[in-house]
C-alpha atoms as a PDB file:
ATOM      1  CA  MET A   1      97.901 126.194  91.556  1.00  0.00           C
ATOM      2  CA  LYS A   2      95.049 127.732  93.509  1.00  0.00           C
ATOM      3  CA  PRO A   3      95.211 127.656  97.339  1.00  0.00           C
ATOM      4  CA  LEU A   4      92.320 125.182  97.592  1.00  0.00           C
ATOM      5  CA  GLU A   5      93.920 122.859  95.007  1.00  0.00           C
ATOM      6  CA  LEU A   6      97.224 123.062  96.848  1.00  0.00           C
ATOM      7  CA  GLU A   7      95.545 122.229 100.146  1.00  0.00           C
ATOM      8  CA  GLU A   8      93.772 119.217  98.601  1.00  0.00           C
ATOM      9  CA  ASN A   9      96.987 118.078  96.929  1.00  0.00           C
ATOM     10  CA  LEU A  10      98.915 118.193 100.224  1.00  0.00           C
ATOM     11  CA  LYS A  11      96.259 116.162 102.072  1.00  0.00           C
ATOM     12  CA  LYS A  12      97.562 112.979 100.471  1.00  0.00           C
ATOM     13  CA  TYR A  13     100.616 113.242 102.738  1.00  0.00           C
ATOM     14  CA  THR A  14      98.516 113.549 105.893  1.00  0.00           C
ATOM     15  CA  ARG A  15      96.763 110.211 105.404  1.00  0.00           C
ATOM     16  CA  ILE A  16      99.507 108.290 107.140  1.00  0.00           C
ATOM     17  CA  ALA A  17      98.255 104.742 106.504  1.00  0.00           C
ATOM     18  CA  GLU A  18      97.623 105.417 102.796  1.00  0.00           C
ATOM     19  CA  CYS A  19     100.601 107.616 101.988  1.00  0.00           C
ATOM     20  CA  PRO A  20     102.823 105.915  99.378  1.00  0.00           C
ATOM     21  CA  VAL A  21     105.670 108.299 100.119  1.00  0.00           C
ATOM     22  CA  ARG A  22     105.824 107.206 103.759  1.00  0.00           C
ATOM     23  CA  ASN A  23     104.887 103.575 103.376  1.00  0.00           C
ATOM     24  CA  VAL A  24     106.719 102.516 100.242  1.00  0.00           C
ATOM     25  CA  ILE A  25     109.771 104.716  99.978  1.00  0.00           C
ATOM     26  CA  SER A  26     110.671 104.209 103.635  1.00  0.00           C
ATOM     27  CA  ARG A  27     111.174 100.489 102.875  1.00  0.00           C
ATOM     28  CA  PHE A  28     114.284 101.105 100.773  1.00  0.00           C
ATOM     29  CA  SER A  29     115.322 104.675 101.550  1.00  0.00           C
ATOM     30  CA  GLY A  30     117.832 103.986 104.314  1.00  0.00           C
ATOM     31  CA  LYS A  31     121.444 104.418 103.273  1.00  0.00           C
ATOM     32  CA  TRP A  32     122.232 100.739 103.810  1.00  0.00           C
ATOM     33  CA  SER A  33     119.225  99.476 101.858  1.00  0.00           C
ATOM     34  CA  MET A  34     120.065 101.569  98.815  1.00  0.00           C
ATOM     35  CA  LEU A  35     123.704 100.530  98.892  1.00  0.00           C
ATOM     36  CA  ILE A  36     122.821  96.844  99.274  1.00  0.00           C
ATOM     37  CA  LEU A  37     120.302  97.030  96.432  1.00  0.00           C
ATOM     38  CA  SER A  38     122.954  98.705  94.277  1.00  0.00           C
ATOM     39  CA  VAL A  39     125.503  95.979  95.043  1.00  0.00           C
ATOM     40  CA  LEU A  40     122.964  93.277  94.225  1.00  0.00           C
ATOM     41  CA  ALA A  41     121.988  95.041  90.992  1.00  0.00           C
ATOM     42  CA  GLU A  42     125.587  94.787  89.794  1.00  0.00           C
ATOM     43  CA  ASN A  43     125.667  91.007  90.232  1.00  0.00           C
ATOM     44  CA  GLU A  44     123.320  88.137  89.464  1.00  0.00           C
ATOM     45  CA  SER A  45     123.674  86.825  93.009  1.00  0.00           C
ATOM     46  CA  THR A  46     125.928  87.859  95.858  1.00  0.00           C
ATOM     47  CA  ARG A  47     127.089  86.202  99.052  1.00  0.00           C
ATOM     48  CA  PHE A  48     126.827  87.863 102.455  1.00  0.00           C
ATOM     49  CA  ASN A  49     130.598  88.383 102.823  1.00  0.00           C
ATOM     50  CA  ALA A  50     130.856  89.907  99.343  1.00  0.00           C
ATOM     51  CA  ILE A  51     128.160  92.442 100.225  1.00  0.00           C
ATOM     52  CA  GLY A  52     130.025  93.225 103.453  1.00  0.00           C
ATOM     53  CA  LYS A  53     133.283  93.734 101.536  1.00  0.00           C
ATOM     54  CA  ALA A  54     131.555  96.020  99.043  1.00  0.00           C
ATOM     55  CA  ILE A  55     130.179  98.099 101.947  1.00  0.00           C
ATOM     56  CA  PRO A  56     133.000  97.913 104.509  1.00  0.00           C
ATOM     57  CA  ASP A  57     131.485 100.333 107.025  1.00  0.00           C
ATOM     58  CA  ILE A  58     128.328  98.276 107.630  1.00  0.00           C
ATOM     59  CA  SER A  59     128.402  95.977 110.648  1.00  0.00           C
ATOM     60  CA  PRO A  60     127.453  92.312 110.183  1.00  0.00           C
ATOM     61  CA  LYS A  61     124.408  92.778 112.435  1.00  0.00           C
ATOM     62  CA  VAL A  62     123.116  95.773 110.502  1.00  0.00           C
ATOM     63  CA  LEU A  63     123.796  93.969 107.214  1.00  0.00           C
ATOM     64  CA  THR A  64     121.851  90.927 108.451  1.00  0.00           C
ATOM     65  CA  ASP A  65     118.935  93.058 109.673  1.00  0.00           C
ATOM     66  CA  THR A  66     118.800  95.095 106.471  1.00  0.00           C
ATOM     67  CA  LEU A  67     118.895  91.978 104.293  1.00  0.00           C
ATOM     68  CA  LYS A  68     116.040  90.464 106.316  1.00  0.00           C
ATOM     69  CA  ASN A  69     113.980  93.643 105.916  1.00  0.00           C
ATOM     70  CA  LEU A  70     114.623  93.840 102.177  1.00  0.00           C
ATOM     71  CA  GLU A  71     113.676  90.172 101.850  1.00  0.00           C
ATOM     72  CA  SER A  72     110.477  90.531 103.874  1.00  0.00           C
ATOM     73  CA  ASP A  73     109.500  93.563 101.770  1.00  0.00           C
ATOM     74  CA  GLY A  74     110.001  91.542  98.584  1.00  0.00           C
ATOM     75  CA  PHE A  75     112.976  93.416  97.108  1.00  0.00           C
ATOM     76  CA  ILE A  76     115.486  90.572  97.421  1.00  0.00           C
ATOM     77  CA  THR A  77     115.517  86.830  97.684  1.00  0.00           C
ATOM     78  CA  ARG A  78     117.756  84.625  99.813  1.00  0.00           C
ATOM     79  CA  LYS A  79     118.876  81.238  98.544  1.00  0.00           C
ATOM     80  CA  LEU A  80     120.412  78.711 100.928  1.00  0.00           C
ATOM     81  CA  TYR A  81     122.518  75.930  99.408  1.00  0.00           C
ATOM     82  CA  ALA A  82     122.705  72.613 101.264  1.00  0.00           C
ATOM     83  CA  GLU A  83     126.492  72.532 101.457  1.00  0.00           C
ATOM     84  CA  ILE A  84     129.014  72.315 104.241  1.00  0.00           C
ATOM     85  CA  PRO A  85     129.643  75.027 105.171  1.00  0.00           C
ATOM     86  CA  PRO A  86     126.245  76.407 104.143  1.00  0.00           C
ATOM     87  CA  ARG A  87     126.306  78.922 101.324  1.00  0.00           C
ATOM     88  CA  VAL A  88     123.764  81.737 101.143  1.00  0.00           C
ATOM     89  CA  GLU A  89     123.310  84.033  98.164  1.00  0.00           C
ATOM     90  CA  TYR A  90     121.139  87.099  97.775  1.00  0.00           C
ATOM     91  CA  SER A  91     119.672  88.498  94.572  1.00  0.00           C
ATOM     92  CA  LEU A  92     117.099  91.011  93.444  1.00  0.00           C
ATOM     93  CA  THR A  93     113.516  89.928  92.875  1.00  0.00           C
ATOM     94  CA  ASP A  94     111.469  91.265  89.969  1.00  0.00           C
ATOM     95  CA  LEU A  95     110.214  93.966  92.329  1.00  0.00           C
ATOM     96  CA  GLY A  96     113.782  94.875  93.281  1.00  0.00           C
ATOM     97  CA  ARG A  97     114.883  94.957  89.645  1.00  0.00           C
ATOM     98  CA  SER A  98     111.929  97.215  88.786  1.00  0.00           C
ATOM     99  CA  LEU A  99     113.138  99.682  91.426  1.00  0.00           C
ATOM    100  CA  MET A 100     116.704  99.904  90.121  1.00  0.00           C
ATOM    101  CA  PRO A 101     116.109 102.327  87.218  1.00  0.00           C
ATOM    102  CA  VAL A 102     114.628 104.787  89.723  1.00  0.00           C
ATOM    103  CA  LEU A 103     117.476 104.277  92.192  1.00  0.00           C
ATOM    104  CA  GLY A 104     119.943 104.482  89.309  1.00  0.00           C
ATOM    105  CA  GLU A 105     118.665 107.961  88.513  1.00  0.00           C
ATOM    106  CA  LEU A 106     119.023 108.971  92.165  1.00  0.00           C
ATOM    107  CA  ILE A 107     122.544 107.528  92.283  1.00  0.00           C
ATOM    108  CA  SER A 108     123.493 109.421  89.118  1.00  0.00           C
ATOM    109  CA  TRP A 109     122.070 112.609  90.579  1.00  0.00           C
ATOM    110  CA  ALA A 110     124.000 112.054  93.834  1.00  0.00           C
ATOM    111  CA  ILE A 111     127.266 111.546  91.950  1.00  0.00           C
ATOM    112  CA  ALA A 112     126.687 114.646  89.812  1.00  0.00           C
ATOM    113  CA  ASN A 113     125.778 116.845  92.799  1.00  0.00           C
ATOM    114  CA  PHE A 114     127.960 115.418  95.570  1.00  0.00           C
ATOM    115  CA  ASP A 115     130.272 118.434  95.670  1.00  0.00           C
ATOM    116  CA  LYS A 116     127.371 120.899  95.719  1.00  0.00           C
ATOM    117  CA  ILE A 117     125.726 119.563  98.866  1.00  0.00           C
ATOM    118  CA  GLY A 118     126.965 120.589 102.312  1.00  0.00           C
ATOM    119  CA  ARG A 119     128.687 117.854 104.268  1.00  0.00           C
ATOM    120  CA  ARG A 120     128.477 117.328 108.001  1.00  0.00           C
END
């Protein structure tokens, strides 16, 4: 690639408001979001406590906040059942399901390369 082409190609990352890398990937790239999406992908629908048990090191507050963010971004849906006590289940939306093959590749790569990457 010529220097001018490279410079033009890199400009797409400097347009902060229009940068898909910043504005889309940041919505699901946190460690909790990816783990939650993975748990939901393994089940048709999942209750809050089941997600918490699958990811034992996440606090209830962080789990709640992350679920709200994923819901507001359109990756998951929340269904409240009118029961006593109330039952809430989370599941992937079509958008969330469309993301899972990409995340699945990343997860596979992480598993294959876990021992090769320095740990803190």
